[in-house]
Amino acid sequence: MKISTEELLPEPPLGLPPRVFHLEDRLNEINSAIKRYITADYTIPKEWVEERNGIITELKYGDHKEFND
């Protein structure tokens, strides 16, 4: 009886999700916070806008092939 390589090697533990998922979640969090501030008539912190723009740029032009059109 022949044993396959898959039967000899244990399954690896769960790793990390791709960074793009973290970036998408963070972008959604920033967008939601900006909407809450607009609704409450508060000034949006410039750091939020800068981070949002950076994430959008990374998603559009970064190494994330699925976002490059």
PDB file of N, CA and C in Angstrom:
ATOM      1  N   MET A   1       0.846  -1.176   0.000  1.00  0.00           N
ATOM      2  CA  MET A   1       0.000   0.000   0.000  1.00  0.00           C
ATOM      3  C   MET A   1       0.890   1.236   0.000  1.00  0.00           C
ATOM      4  N   LYS A   2       0.590   2.181  -0.900  1.00  0.00           N
ATOM      5  CA  LYS A   2       1.371   3.405  -1.034  1.00  0.00           C
ATOM      6  C   LYS A   2       0.728   4.509  -0.191  1.00  0.00           C
ATOM      7  N   ILE A   3       1.563   5.234   0.594  1.00  0.00           N
ATOM      8  CA  ILE A   3       1.078   6.326   1.443  1.00  0.00           C
ATOM      9  C   ILE A   3       1.420   7.642   0.762  1.00  0.00           C
ATOM     10  N   SER A   4       0.432   8.519   0.658  1.00  0.00           N
ATOM     11  CA  SER A   4       0.664   9.812   0.010  1.00  0.00           C
ATOM     12  C   SER A   4       1.357  10.777   0.970  1.00  0.00           C
ATOM     13  N   THR A   5       1.971  11.804   0.404  1.00  0.00           N
ATOM     14  CA  THR A   5       2.653  12.827   1.198  1.00  0.00           C
ATOM     15  C   THR A   5       1.674  13.527   2.135  1.00  0.00           C
ATOM     16  N   GLU A   6       0.449  13.756   1.666  1.00  0.00           N
ATOM     17  CA  GLU A   6      -0.560  14.430   2.478  1.00  0.00           C
ATOM     18  C   GLU A   6      -0.870  13.657   3.756  1.00  0.00           C
ATOM     19  N   GLU A   7      -0.804  12.336   3.680  1.00  0.00           N
ATOM     20  CA  GLU A   7      -1.087  11.514   4.855  1.00  0.00           C
ATOM     21  C   GLU A   7       0.042  11.577   5.876  1.00  0.00           C
ATOM     22  N   LEU A   8       1.251  11.855   5.436  1.00  0.00           N
ATOM     23  CA  LEU A   8       2.403  11.891   6.333  1.00  0.00           C
ATOM     24  C   LEU A   8       2.572  13.235   7.028  1.00  0.00           C
ATOM     25  N   LEU A   9       2.183  14.317   6.363  1.00  0.00           N
ATOM     26  CA  LEU A   9       2.384  15.656   6.906  1.00  0.00           C
ATOM     27  C   LEU A   9       1.152  16.122   7.675  1.00  0.00           C
ATOM     28  N   PRO A  10       1.367  16.662   8.871  1.00  0.00           N
ATOM     29  CA  PRO A  10       0.217  17.200   9.603  1.00  0.00           C
ATOM     30  C   PRO A  10      -0.265  18.489   8.943  1.00  0.00           C
ATOM     31  N   GLU A  11      -1.538  18.786   9.114  1.00  0.00           N
ATOM     32  CA  GLU A  11      -2.089  20.018   8.556  1.00  0.00           C
ATOM     33  C   GLU A  11      -1.551  21.204   9.362  1.00  0.00           C
ATOM     34  N   PRO A  12      -1.092  22.253   8.680  1.00  0.00           N
ATOM     35  CA  PRO A  12      -0.542  23.406   9.403  1.00  0.00           C
ATOM     36  C   PRO A  12      -1.642  24.148  10.158  1.00  0.00           C
ATOM     37  N   PRO A  13      -1.259  24.885  11.197  1.00  0.00           N
ATOM     38  CA  PRO A  13      -2.252  25.676  11.927  1.00  0.00           C
ATOM     39  C   PRO A  13      -2.767  26.823  11.062  1.00  0.00           C
ATOM     40  N   LEU A  14      -3.878  27.378  11.461  1.00  0.00           N
ATOM     41  CA  LEU A  14      -4.460  28.504  10.751  1.00  0.00           C
ATOM     42  C   LEU A  14      -3.510  29.686  10.813  1.00  0.00           C
ATOM     43  N   GLY A  15      -3.251  30.309   9.694  1.00  0.00           N
ATOM     44  CA  GLY A  15      -2.343  31.456   9.623  1.00  0.00           C
ATOM     45  C   GLY A  15      -3.100  32.768   9.694  1.00  0.00           C
ATOM     46  N   LEU A  16      -2.520  33.799   9.124  1.00  0.00           N
ATOM     47  CA  LEU A  16      -3.120  35.131   9.118  1.00  0.00           C
ATOM     48  C   LEU A  16      -3.937  35.356   7.858  1.00  0.00           C
ATOM     49  N   PRO A  17      -5.028  36.111   7.985  1.00  0.00           N
ATOM     50  CA  PRO A  17      -5.737  36.486   6.765  1.00  0.00           C
ATOM     51  C   PRO A  17      -4.894  37.494   5.989  1.00  0.00           C
ATOM     52  N   PRO A  18      -5.108  37.618   4.705  1.00  0.00           N
ATOM     53  CA  PRO A  18      -4.345  38.588   3.923  1.00  0.00           C
ATOM     54  C   PRO A  18      -4.531  40.009   4.461  1.00  0.00           C
ATOM     55  N   ARG A  19      -3.493  40.814   4.359  1.00  0.00           N
ATOM     56  CA  ARG A  19      -3.499  42.184   4.874  1.00  0.00           C
ATOM     57  C   ARG A  19      -4.614  43.014   4.252  1.00  0.00           C
ATOM     58  N   VAL A  20      -4.963  42.707   3.034  1.00  0.00           N
ATOM     59  CA  VAL A  20      -6.003  43.471   2.346  1.00  0.00           C
ATOM     60  C   VAL A  20      -7.318  43.425   3.124  1.00  0.00           C
ATOM     61  N   PHE A  21      -7.611  42.321   3.809  1.00  0.00           N
ATOM     62  CA  PHE A  21      -8.843  42.237   4.597  1.00  0.00           C
ATOM     63  C   PHE A  21      -8.803  43.204   5.771  1.00  0.00           C
ATOM     64  N   HIS A  22      -7.638  43.322   6.404  1.00  0.00           N
ATOM     65  CA  HIS A  22      -7.483  44.284   7.499  1.00  0.00           C
ATOM     66  C   HIS A  22      -7.684  45.701   6.973  1.00  0.00           C
ATOM     67  N   LEU A  23      -7.095  45.992   5.828  1.00  0.00           N
ATOM     68  CA  LEU A  23      -7.219  47.331   5.256  1.00  0.00           C
ATOM     69  C   LEU A  23      -8.673  47.660   4.919  1.00  0.00           C
ATOM     70  N   GLU A  24      -9.388  46.707   4.360  1.00  0.00           N
ATOM     71  CA  GLU A  24     -10.800  46.933   4.032  1.00  0.00           C
ATOM     72  C   GLU A  24     -11.617  47.198   5.291  1.00  0.00           C
ATOM     73  N   ASP A  25     -11.364  46.410   6.346  1.00  0.00           N
ATOM     74  CA  ASP A  25     -12.076  46.612   7.610  1.00  0.00           C
ATOM     75  C   ASP A  25     -11.767  47.985   8.195  1.00  0.00           C
ATOM     76  N   ARG A  26     -10.500  48.362   8.171  1.00  0.00           N
ATOM     77  CA  ARG A  26     -10.103  49.664   8.714  1.00  0.00           C
ATOM     78  C   ARG A  26     -10.739  50.798   7.908  1.00  0.00           C
ATOM     79  N   LEU A  27     -10.765  50.666   6.603  1.00  0.00           N
ATOM     80  CA  LEU A  27     -11.389  51.677   5.754  1.00  0.00           C
ATOM     81  C   LEU A  27     -12.876  51.817   6.091  1.00  0.00           C
ATOM     82  N   ASN A  28     -13.559  50.703   6.294  1.00  0.00           N
ATOM     83  CA  ASN A  28     -14.970  50.745   6.675  1.00  0.00           C
ATOM     84  C   ASN A  28     -15.160  51.426   8.027  1.00  0.00           C
ATOM     85  N   GLU A  29     -14.265  51.148   8.987  1.00  0.00           N
ATOM     86  CA  GLU A  29     -14.342  51.783  10.301  1.00  0.00           C
ATOM     87  C   GLU A  29     -14.151  53.293  10.191  1.00  0.00           C
ATOM     88  N   ILE A  30     -13.176  53.717   9.402  1.00  0.00           N
ATOM     89  CA  ILE A  30     -12.917  55.153   9.223  1.00  0.00           C
ATOM     90  C   ILE A  30     -14.113  55.821   8.554  1.00  0.00           C
ATOM     91  N   ASN A  31     -14.640  55.207   7.499  1.00  0.00           N
ATOM     92  CA  ASN A  31     -15.799  55.780   6.806  1.00  0.00           C
ATOM     93  C   ASN A  31     -16.996  55.921   7.745  1.00  0.00           C
ATOM     94  N   SER A  32     -17.223  54.914   8.584  1.00  0.00           N
ATOM     95  CA  SER A  32     -18.333  54.979   9.538  1.00  0.00           C
ATOM     96  C   SER A  32     -18.122  56.090  10.557  1.00  0.00           C
ATOM     97  N   ALA A  33     -16.905  56.227  11.045  1.00  0.00           N
ATOM     98  CA  ALA A  33     -16.603  57.283  12.015  1.00  0.00           C
ATOM     99  C   ALA A  33     -16.780  58.664  11.388  1.00  0.00           C
ATOM    100  N   ILE A  34     -16.350  58.813  10.145  1.00  0.00           N
ATOM    101  CA  ILE A  34     -16.510  60.097   9.450  1.00  0.00           C
ATOM    102  C   ILE A  34     -17.997  60.430   9.307  1.00  0.00           C
ATOM    103  N   LYS A  35     -18.810  59.454   8.941  1.00  0.00           N
ATOM    104  CA  LYS A  35     -20.253  59.686   8.816  1.00  0.00           C
ATOM    105  C   LYS A  35     -20.860  60.105  10.156  1.00  0.00           C
ATOM    106  N   ARG A  36     -20.431  59.459  11.243  1.00  0.00           N
ATOM    107  CA  ARG A  36     -20.947  59.833  12.566  1.00  0.00           C
ATOM    108  C   ARG A  36     -20.567  61.264  12.913  1.00  0.00           C
ATOM    109  N   TYR A  37     -19.337  61.656  12.603  1.00  0.00           N
ATOM    110  CA  TYR A  37     -18.891  63.025  12.884  1.00  0.00           C
ATOM    111  C   TYR A  37     -19.656  64.038  12.035  1.00  0.00           C
ATOM    112  N   ILE A  38     -19.902  63.720  10.777  1.00  0.00           N
ATOM    113  CA  ILE A  38     -20.673  64.619   9.913  1.00  0.00           C
ATOM    114  C   ILE A  38     -22.092  64.778  10.460  1.00  0.00           C
ATOM    115  N   THR A  39     -22.709  63.663  10.840  1.00  0.00           N
ATOM    116  CA  THR A  39     -24.066  63.701  11.390  1.00  0.00           C
ATOM    117  C   THR A  39     -24.129  64.550  12.660  1.00  0.00           C
ATOM    118  N   ALA A  40     -23.097  64.463  13.490  1.00  0.00           N
ATOM    119  CA  ALA A  40     -23.056  65.217  14.745  1.00  0.00           C
ATOM    120  C   ALA A  40     -22.522  66.633  14.553  1.00  0.00           C
ATOM    121  N   ASP A  41     -22.208  67.004  13.313  1.00  0.00           N
ATOM    122  CA  ASP A  41     -21.678  68.326  12.974  1.00  0.00           C
ATOM    123  C   ASP A  41     -20.349  68.619  13.685  1.00  0.00           C
ATOM    124  N   TYR A  42     -19.481  67.604  13.724  1.00  0.00           N
ATOM    125  CA  TYR A  42     -18.137  67.740  14.288  1.00  0.00           C
ATOM    126  C   TYR A  42     -17.127  67.841  13.154  1.00  0.00           C
ATOM    127  N   THR A  43     -15.998  68.438  13.456  1.00  0.00           N
ATOM    128  CA  THR A  43     -14.901  68.509  12.495  1.00  0.00           C
ATOM    129  C   THR A  43     -14.216  67.147  12.421  1.00  0.00           C
ATOM    130  N   ILE A  44     -13.989  66.684  11.209  1.00  0.00           N
ATOM    131  CA  ILE A  44     -13.332  65.389  11.009  1.00  0.00           C
ATOM    132  C   ILE A  44     -11.832  65.579  11.201  1.00  0.00           C
ATOM    133  N   PRO A  45     -11.203  64.775  12.073  1.00  0.00           N
ATOM    134  CA  PRO A  45      -9.757  64.897  12.269  1.00  0.00           C
ATOM    135  C   PRO A  45      -9.001  64.646  10.961  1.00  0.00           C
ATOM    136  N   LYS A  46      -8.019  65.494  10.695  1.00  0.00           N
ATOM    137  CA  LYS A  46      -7.263  65.357   9.441  1.00  0.00           C
ATOM    138  C   LYS A  46      -6.527  64.026   9.380  1.00  0.00           C
ATOM    139  N   GLU A  47      -6.152  63.469  10.539  1.00  0.00           N
ATOM    140  CA  GLU A  47      -5.459  62.173  10.565  1.00  0.00           C
ATOM    141  C   GLU A  47      -6.341  61.070   9.982  1.00  0.00           C
ATOM    142  N   TRP A  48      -7.638  61.167  10.219  1.00  0.00           N
ATOM    143  CA  TRP A  48      -8.559  60.172   9.661  1.00  0.00           C
ATOM    144  C   TRP A  48      -8.585  60.252   8.144  1.00  0.00           C
ATOM    145  N   VAL A  49      -8.655  61.466   7.642  1.00  0.00           N
ATOM    146  CA  VAL A  49      -8.697  61.666   6.186  1.00  0.00           C
ATOM    147  C   VAL A  49      -7.391  61.192   5.557  1.00  0.00           C
ATOM    148  N   GLU A  50      -6.264  61.512   6.197  1.00  0.00           N
ATOM    149  CA  GLU A  50      -4.963  61.083   5.672  1.00  0.00           C
ATOM    150  C   GLU A  50      -4.845  59.563   5.674  1.00  0.00           C
ATOM    151  N   GLU A  51      -5.271  58.928   6.774  1.00  0.00           N
ATOM    152  CA  GLU A  51      -5.202  57.467   6.833  1.00  0.00           C
ATOM    153  C   GLU A  51      -6.132  56.845   5.792  1.00  0.00           C
ATOM    154  N   ARG A  52      -7.333  57.394   5.660  1.00  0.00           N
ATOM    155  CA  ARG A  52      -8.295  56.900   4.670  1.00  0.00           C
ATOM    156  C   ARG A  52      -7.720  56.994   3.262  1.00  0.00           C
ATOM    157  N   ASN A  53      -7.151  58.146   2.935  1.00  0.00           N
ATOM    158  CA  ASN A  53      -6.561  58.323   1.607  1.00  0.00           C
ATOM    159  C   ASN A  53      -5.402  57.358   1.380  1.00  0.00           C
ATOM    160  N   GLY A  54      -4.593  57.134   2.412  1.00  0.00           N
ATOM    161  CA  GLY A  54      -3.477  56.194   2.295  1.00  0.00           C
ATOM    162  C   GLY A  54      -3.943  54.773   2.045  1.00  0.00           C
ATOM    163  N   ILE A  55      -4.987  54.367   2.752  1.00  0.00           N
ATOM    164  CA  ILE A  55      -5.520  53.015   2.564  1.00  0.00           C
ATOM    165  C   ILE A  55      -6.104  52.863   1.160  1.00  0.00           C
ATOM    166  N   ILE A  56      -6.854  53.861   0.715  1.00  0.00           N
ATOM    167  CA  ILE A  56      -7.430  53.805  -0.635  1.00  0.00           C
ATOM    168  C   ILE A  56      -6.324  53.696  -1.679  1.00  0.00           C
ATOM    169  N   THR A  57      -5.269  54.483  -1.509  1.00  0.00           N
ATOM    170  CA  THR A  57      -4.141  54.430  -2.444  1.00  0.00           C
ATOM    171  C   THR A  57      -3.491  53.055  -2.427  1.00  0.00           C
ATOM    172  N   GLU A  58      -3.281  52.505  -1.231  1.00  0.00           N
ATOM    173  CA  GLU A  58      -2.647  51.185  -1.139  1.00  0.00           C
ATOM    174  C   GLU A  58      -3.526  50.107  -1.766  1.00  0.00           C
ATOM    175  N   LEU A  59      -4.824  50.175  -1.530  1.00  0.00           N
ATOM    176  CA  LEU A  59      -5.719  49.178  -2.120  1.00  0.00           C
ATOM    177  C   LEU A  59      -5.769  49.295  -3.642  1.00  0.00           C
ATOM    178  N   LYS A  60      -5.714  50.523  -4.135  1.00  0.00           N
ATOM    179  CA  LYS A  60      -5.816  50.728  -5.582  1.00  0.00           C
ATOM    180  C   LYS A  60      -4.505  50.456  -6.308  1.00  0.00           C
ATOM    181  N   TYR A  61      -3.388  50.906  -5.732  1.00  0.00           N
ATOM    182  CA  TYR A  61      -2.113  50.826  -6.448  1.00  0.00           C
ATOM    183  C   TYR A  61      -1.095  49.898  -5.803  1.00  0.00           C
ATOM    184  N   GLY A  62      -1.435  49.325  -4.659  1.00  0.00           N
ATOM    185  CA  GLY A  62      -0.491  48.468  -3.948  1.00  0.00           C
ATOM    186  C   GLY A  62      -0.313  47.125  -4.618  1.00  0.00           C
ATOM    187  N   ASP A  63       0.225  46.190  -3.871  1.00  0.00           N
ATOM    188  CA  ASP A  63       0.511  44.853  -4.385  1.00  0.00           C
ATOM    189  C   ASP A  63      -0.711  43.948  -4.386  1.00  0.00           C
ATOM    190  N   HIS A  64      -1.864  44.486  -4.092  1.00  0.00           N
ATOM    191  CA  HIS A  64      -3.067  43.682  -4.021  1.00  0.00           C
ATOM    192  C   HIS A  64      -3.659  43.560  -5.414  1.00  0.00           C
ATOM    193  N   LYS A  65      -3.268  42.535  -6.136  1.00  0.00           N
ATOM    194  CA  LYS A  65      -3.623  42.354  -7.540  1.00  0.00           C
ATOM    195  C   LYS A  65      -5.132  42.418  -7.776  1.00  0.00           C
ATOM    196  N   GLU A  66      -5.911  41.903  -6.813  1.00  0.00           N
ATOM    197  CA  GLU A  66      -7.350  41.871  -7.031  1.00  0.00           C
ATOM    198  C   GLU A  66      -7.981  43.256  -7.053  1.00  0.00           C
ATOM    199  N   PHE A  67      -7.240  44.297  -6.638  1.00  0.00           N
ATOM    200  CA  PHE A  67      -7.779  45.647  -6.642  1.00  0.00           C
ATOM    201  C   PHE A  67      -7.220  46.500  -7.774  1.00  0.00           C
ATOM    202  N   ASN A  68      -6.269  46.000  -8.510  1.00  0.00           N
ATOM    203  CA  ASN A  68      -5.695  46.771  -9.617  1.00  0.00           C
ATOM    204  C   ASN A  68      -6.523  46.545 -10.867  1.00  0.00           C
ATOM    205  N   ASP A  69      -7.154  47.597 -11.339  1.00  0.00           N
ATOM    206  CA  ASP A  69      -7.983  47.473 -12.553  1.00  0.00           C
ATOM    207  C   ASP A  69      -7.210  47.916 -13.765  1.00  0.00           C
TER     208      ASP A  69
END
